[in-house]
Amino acid sequence: PMYVQKAERKGRSRAEVDQVICWLTGYSADGLAEQLAREADFEAFFEAAPAMHPNRDRITGVICGIRVEEIEDPFTRHVRQLDKLVDELAKGKAMEKILRA
């Protein structure tokens, strides 16, 4: 919900946030909806992710003063990668660039 609120404040949609999340994690729309309905915490959400996107290592930049690509802990890196994607979405970046197409 926080990601959706951030994006909607900047004129982006829930569907776009869902698209970014599904791209990163491999969840289908139904799988994502199921995780949200279960109110899974981040750790459970990422542990159950079907397949993290192979291009996720192309997500670079700074979030909360830390370079995403330098984070060693996989769980923390995944969370920050998602933060970075939603941040780019909220800033108006084109979806093709966000998804590292």
Protein backbone atom coordinates (compact mmCIF):
# COMPACT_ATOMS: atom_id res chain seq x y z
CA PRO A 1 0.00 0.00 0.00
CA MET A 2 2.82 2.47 0.73
CA TYR A 3 4.30 1.95 -2.72
CA VAL A 4 0.92 2.53 -4.34
CA GLN A 5 0.33 5.69 -2.31
CA LYS A 6 3.74 7.07 -3.28
CA ALA A 7 3.15 6.38 -6.97
CA GLU A 8 -0.43 7.68 -6.99
CA ARG A 9 0.66 10.96 -5.37
CA LYS A 10 2.87 11.45 -8.42
CA GLY A 11 0.16 10.55 -10.95
CA ARG A 12 1.09 6.91 -11.52
CA SER A 13 -1.31 3.99 -11.10
CA ARG A 14 -1.61 0.90 -8.93
CA ALA A 15 -1.41 -1.18 -12.12
CA GLU A 16 2.01 0.32 -12.87
CA VAL A 17 3.23 -0.43 -9.33
CA ASP A 18 1.95 -4.00 -9.69
CA GLN A 19 3.72 -4.31 -13.05
CA VAL A 20 7.03 -3.24 -11.50
CA ILE A 21 6.61 -5.63 -8.56
CA CYS A 22 5.69 -8.54 -10.84
CA TRP A 23 8.64 -7.80 -13.12
CA LEU A 24 11.10 -7.90 -10.23
CA THR A 25 9.68 -10.90 -8.37
CA GLY A 26 8.12 -13.10 -11.03
CA TYR A 27 4.71 -13.03 -9.35
CA SER A 28 1.67 -13.19 -11.60
CA ALA A 29 -1.07 -10.63 -10.97
CA ASP A 30 -3.03 -13.31 -9.08
CA GLY A 31 0.03 -14.38 -7.10
CA LEU A 32 0.72 -10.79 -6.10
CA ALA A 33 -2.91 -10.30 -5.07
CA GLU A 34 -2.71 -13.46 -2.96
CA GLN A 35 0.43 -12.24 -1.17
CA LEU A 36 -1.21 -8.87 -0.49
CA ALA A 37 -4.38 -10.55 0.81
CA ARG A 38 -2.27 -12.67 3.17
CA GLU A 39 -0.51 -9.49 4.32
CA ALA A 40 2.83 -11.23 3.90
CA ASP A 41 5.77 -9.35 5.37
CA PHE A 42 8.68 -8.45 3.08
CA GLU A 43 10.74 -11.47 4.09
CA ALA A 44 7.95 -13.95 3.36
CA PHE A 45 7.05 -12.04 0.19
CA PHE A 46 10.55 -12.27 -1.26
CA GLU A 47 11.13 -15.86 -0.05
CA ALA A 48 7.99 -16.95 -1.90
CA ALA A 49 8.83 -14.97 -5.06
CA PRO A 50 8.62 -17.34 -8.03
CA ALA A 51 11.71 -16.02 -9.84
CA MET A 52 13.63 -12.82 -9.27
CA HIS A 53 14.19 -11.14 -12.63
CA PRO A 54 17.60 -11.89 -14.17
CA ASN A 55 18.09 -8.19 -15.05
CA ARG A 56 17.63 -7.05 -11.45
CA ASP A 57 21.38 -6.47 -11.17
CA ARG A 58 20.94 -3.60 -13.64
CA ILE A 59 19.09 -1.71 -10.91
CA THR A 60 21.66 0.77 -9.69
CA GLY A 61 21.66 4.05 -7.83
CA VAL A 62 21.23 5.41 -4.35
CA ILE A 63 18.35 4.73 -1.98
CA CYS A 64 18.48 6.09 1.57
CA GLY A 65 22.08 7.14 1.00
CA ILE A 66 23.24 3.63 0.07
CA ARG A 67 24.16 2.37 -3.39
CA VAL A 68 21.77 -0.47 -4.24
CA GLU A 69 24.37 -2.45 -6.16
CA GLU A 70 26.75 -2.47 -3.17
CA ILE A 71 24.30 -4.06 -0.71
CA GLU A 72 25.62 -7.52 0.15
CA ASP A 73 22.65 -9.04 2.01
CA PRO A 74 20.33 -10.52 -0.67
CA PHE A 75 17.10 -9.78 1.22
CA THR A 76 18.05 -6.15 1.88
CA ARG A 77 19.20 -5.75 -1.73
CA HIS A 78 15.84 -7.06 -3.03
CA VAL A 79 13.91 -4.65 -0.81
CA ARG A 80 16.06 -1.71 -1.93
CA GLN A 81 15.79 -2.75 -5.57
CA LEU A 82 12.02 -2.62 -5.25
CA ASP A 83 12.29 0.75 -3.48
CA LYS A 84 14.41 2.04 -6.36
CA LEU A 85 11.97 0.82 -9.02
CA VAL A 86 8.99 2.44 -7.31
CA ASP A 87 11.01 5.63 -6.78
CA GLU A 88 11.81 5.76 -10.51
CA LEU A 89 8.13 5.18 -11.30
CA ALA A 90 7.07 8.00 -8.99
CA LYS A 91 9.63 10.32 -10.59
CA GLY A 92 7.99 9.80 -13.97
CA LYS A 93 10.59 7.60 -15.63
CA ALA A 94 9.35 5.64 -18.65
CA MET A 95 8.29 2.07 -17.88
CA GLU A 96 10.69 0.66 -20.52
CA LYS A 97 13.62 2.23 -18.67
CA ILE A 98 12.35 1.19 -15.24
CA LEU A 99 12.07 -2.42 -16.37
CA ARG A 100 15.56 -2.31 -17.86
CA ALA A 101 14.21 -3.41 -21.25
